Amino acid sequence: VYFRNETAPMAGNRNRLENNVIENNGQGHDAAGIDVQGQTGDLLFENNVIRDTRSGAARKQTVGIRIEPQAGPIKLEHNQIQAEKAVDDLRPATSQDVGAAQ
């Protein structure tokens, strides 16, 4: 799931992803199951399963949820994430408000 690098008026704000299975993303390079870029905010990710079921070198979904530095508020509730890094939150510490990733 990809939220594009857009300014606030054009960003994918106020979206909910609930009760999904997000798996096996990425070909040829490492990828995230959910990638939030730009000034996207007011998102809720709840009760999702994020994983890569491929084996060995075929496993490319190394990050469950990646949040880029300009992103706004995002809530994570009761997600099951199986990745080398569950959440890669690149926002400044003062703007991070991510909820429980499990």
C-alpha atoms as a PDB file:
ATOM      1  CA  VAL A   1       0.000   0.000   0.000  1.00  0.00           C
ATOM      2  CA  TYR A   2       1.622   3.226  -1.157  1.00  0.00           C
ATOM      3  CA  PHE A   3       0.699   6.742  -0.058  1.00  0.00           C
ATOM      4  CA  ARG A   4       2.433   8.986  -2.598  1.00  0.00           C
ATOM      5  CA  ASN A   5       4.806  11.860  -1.892  1.00  0.00           C
ATOM      6  CA  GLU A   6       2.243  14.677  -2.134  1.00  0.00           C
ATOM      7  CA  THR A   7       1.701  18.021  -0.414  1.00  0.00           C
ATOM      8  CA  ALA A   8      -1.065  18.185   2.201  1.00  0.00           C
ATOM      9  CA  PRO A   9      -3.910  19.237  -0.146  1.00  0.00           C
ATOM     10  CA  MET A  10      -3.222  16.313  -2.526  1.00  0.00           C
ATOM     11  CA  ALA A  11      -2.138  13.683   0.025  1.00  0.00           C
ATOM     12  CA  GLY A  12      -4.128  10.560   0.923  1.00  0.00           C
ATOM     13  CA  ASN A  13      -5.324  11.956   4.252  1.00  0.00           C
ATOM     14  CA  ARG A  14      -8.037  10.556   6.531  1.00  0.00           C
ATOM     15  CA  ASN A  15      -7.870   6.935   5.353  1.00  0.00           C
ATOM     16  CA  ARG A  16      -8.440   3.700   7.256  1.00  0.00           C
ATOM     17  CA  LEU A  17      -6.997   0.280   6.445  1.00  0.00           C
ATOM     18  CA  GLU A  18      -8.762  -2.369   8.505  1.00  0.00           C
ATOM     19  CA  ASN A  19      -8.818  -6.181   8.484  1.00  0.00           C
ATOM     20  CA  ASN A  20      -6.487  -6.695   5.488  1.00  0.00           C
ATOM     21  CA  VAL A  21      -3.742  -9.150   4.631  1.00  0.00           C
ATOM     22  CA  ILE A  22      -0.818  -7.281   3.061  1.00  0.00           C
ATOM     23  CA  GLU A  23       1.885  -9.669   1.899  1.00  0.00           C
ATOM     24  CA  ASN A  24       4.726 -10.420  -0.482  1.00  0.00           C
ATOM     25  CA  ASN A  25       5.495  -6.889  -1.679  1.00  0.00           C
ATOM     26  CA  GLY A  26       8.692  -5.993  -3.519  1.00  0.00           C
ATOM     27  CA  GLN A  27      10.529  -7.456  -6.477  1.00  0.00           C
ATOM     28  CA  GLY A  28      14.213  -6.872  -7.040  1.00  0.00           C
ATOM     29  CA  HIS A  29      14.613  -4.553  -4.032  1.00  0.00           C
ATOM     30  CA  ASP A  30      13.515  -4.311  -0.406  1.00  0.00           C
ATOM     31  CA  ALA A  31      10.038  -2.916   0.193  1.00  0.00           C
ATOM     32  CA  ALA A  32       7.514  -2.065   2.884  1.00  0.00           C
ATOM     33  CA  GLY A  33       4.038  -3.533   3.197  1.00  0.00           C
ATOM     34  CA  ILE A  34       2.707  -0.011   3.794  1.00  0.00           C
ATOM     35  CA  ASP A  35       4.748   3.025   2.714  1.00  0.00           C
ATOM     36  CA  VAL A  36       3.517   6.456   3.860  1.00  0.00           C
ATOM     37  CA  GLN A  37       5.223   9.333   2.047  1.00  0.00           C
ATOM     38  CA  GLY A  38       4.654  13.059   1.691  1.00  0.00           C
ATOM     39  CA  GLN A  39       2.433  15.125   3.968  1.00  0.00           C
ATOM     40  CA  THR A  40      -0.056  12.307   4.434  1.00  0.00           C
ATOM     41  CA  GLY A  41      -1.736  12.136   7.829  1.00  0.00           C
ATOM     42  CA  ASP A  42      -4.755  11.209   9.918  1.00  0.00           C
ATOM     43  CA  LEU A  43      -4.421   7.541   8.992  1.00  0.00           C
ATOM     44  CA  LEU A  44      -5.594   4.481  10.917  1.00  0.00           C
ATOM     45  CA  PHE A  45      -4.159   1.005  10.321  1.00  0.00           C
ATOM     46  CA  GLU A  46      -6.066  -1.523  12.432  1.00  0.00           C
ATOM     47  CA  ASN A  47      -6.282  -5.332  12.628  1.00  0.00           C
ATOM     48  CA  ASN A  48      -4.109  -5.915   9.552  1.00  0.00           C
ATOM     49  CA  VAL A  49      -1.732  -8.801   8.919  1.00  0.00           C
ATOM     50  CA  ILE A  50       1.473  -7.604   7.231  1.00  0.00           C
ATOM     51  CA  ARG A  51       3.947 -10.307   6.216  1.00  0.00           C
ATOM     52  CA  ASP A  52       6.133 -11.864   3.554  1.00  0.00           C
ATOM     53  CA  THR A  53       5.467 -15.571   3.027  1.00  0.00           C
ATOM     54  CA  ARG A  54       8.216 -16.081   0.432  1.00  0.00           C
ATOM     55  CA  SER A  55      11.421 -17.864   1.386  1.00  0.00           C
ATOM     56  CA  GLY A  56      15.101 -17.006   1.209  1.00  0.00           C
ATOM     57  CA  ALA A  57      16.258 -14.339  -1.228  1.00  0.00           C
ATOM     58  CA  ALA A  58      12.718 -13.939  -2.579  1.00  0.00           C
ATOM     59  CA  ARG A  59      11.687 -12.208   0.678  1.00  0.00           C
ATOM     60  CA  LYS A  60      11.726  -8.486  -0.156  1.00  0.00           C
ATOM     61  CA  GLN A  61       9.088  -7.047   2.198  1.00  0.00           C
ATOM     62  CA  THR A  62      11.606  -6.272   4.946  1.00  0.00           C
ATOM     63  CA  VAL A  63       9.612  -3.457   6.611  1.00  0.00           C
ATOM     64  CA  GLY A  64       6.024  -3.767   7.768  1.00  0.00           C
ATOM     65  CA  ILE A  65       5.145  -0.049   7.846  1.00  0.00           C
ATOM     66  CA  ARG A  66       7.476   2.746   6.712  1.00  0.00           C
ATOM     67  CA  ILE A  67       6.563   6.320   7.681  1.00  0.00           C
ATOM     68  CA  GLU A  68       8.538   9.054   5.909  1.00  0.00           C
ATOM     69  CA  PRO A  69       9.689  12.261   7.706  1.00  0.00           C
ATOM     70  CA  GLN A  70       6.937  14.620   6.453  1.00  0.00           C
ATOM     71  CA  ALA A  71       4.005  12.357   7.373  1.00  0.00           C
ATOM     72  CA  GLY A  72       1.437  13.519   9.910  1.00  0.00           C
ATOM     73  CA  PRO A  73      -0.517  11.623  12.589  1.00  0.00           C
ATOM     74  CA  ILE A  74      -0.866   7.866  12.092  1.00  0.00           C
ATOM     75  CA  LYS A  75      -2.463   5.389  14.479  1.00  0.00           C
ATOM     76  CA  LEU A  76      -1.518   1.707  14.490  1.00  0.00           C
ATOM     77  CA  GLU A  77      -3.828  -0.595  16.424  1.00  0.00           C
ATOM     78  CA  HIS A  78      -3.683  -4.387  16.800  1.00  0.00           C
ATOM     79  CA  ASN A  79      -1.732  -5.149  13.626  1.00  0.00           C
ATOM     80  CA  GLN A  80       0.242  -8.390  13.243  1.00  0.00           C
ATOM     81  CA  ILE A  81       3.517  -7.525  11.552  1.00  0.00           C
ATOM     82  CA  GLN A  82       6.121 -10.116  10.558  1.00  0.00           C
ATOM     83  CA  ALA A  83       9.137  -8.306   9.095  1.00  0.00           C
ATOM     84  CA  GLU A  84      12.794  -7.613   9.850  1.00  0.00           C
ATOM     85  CA  LYS A  85      11.584  -4.192  11.028  1.00  0.00           C
ATOM     86  CA  ALA A  86       7.915  -3.912  12.031  1.00  0.00           C
ATOM     87  CA  VAL A  87       7.679  -0.094  11.910  1.00  0.00           C
ATOM     88  CA  ASP A  88      10.279   2.226  10.412  1.00  0.00           C
ATOM     89  CA  ASP A  89       9.141   5.675  11.582  1.00  0.00           C
ATOM     90  CA  LEU A  90      11.437   8.322  10.092  1.00  0.00           C
ATOM     91  CA  ARG A  91       9.538  11.339  11.465  1.00  0.00           C
ATOM     92  CA  PRO A  92      11.203  13.554  14.077  1.00  0.00           C
ATOM     93  CA  ALA A  93      10.612  12.106  17.565  1.00  0.00           C
ATOM     94  CA  THR A  94       8.371  15.022  18.551  1.00  0.00           C
ATOM     95  CA  SER A  95       5.862  14.262  15.787  1.00  0.00           C
ATOM     96  CA  GLN A  96       5.609  10.499  16.298  1.00  0.00           C
ATOM     97  CA  ASP A  97       2.255   9.370  17.634  1.00  0.00           C
ATOM     98  CA  VAL A  98       2.135   5.784  16.428  1.00  0.00           C
ATOM     99  CA  GLY A  99      -0.002   3.461  18.572  1.00  0.00           C
ATOM    100  CA  ALA A 100       0.609  -0.187  19.343  1.00  0.00           C
ATOM    101  CA  ALA A 101       1.954  -2.180  16.406  1.00  0.00           C
ATOM    102  CA  GLN A 102       0.742  -5.565  17.693  1.00  0.00           C
END
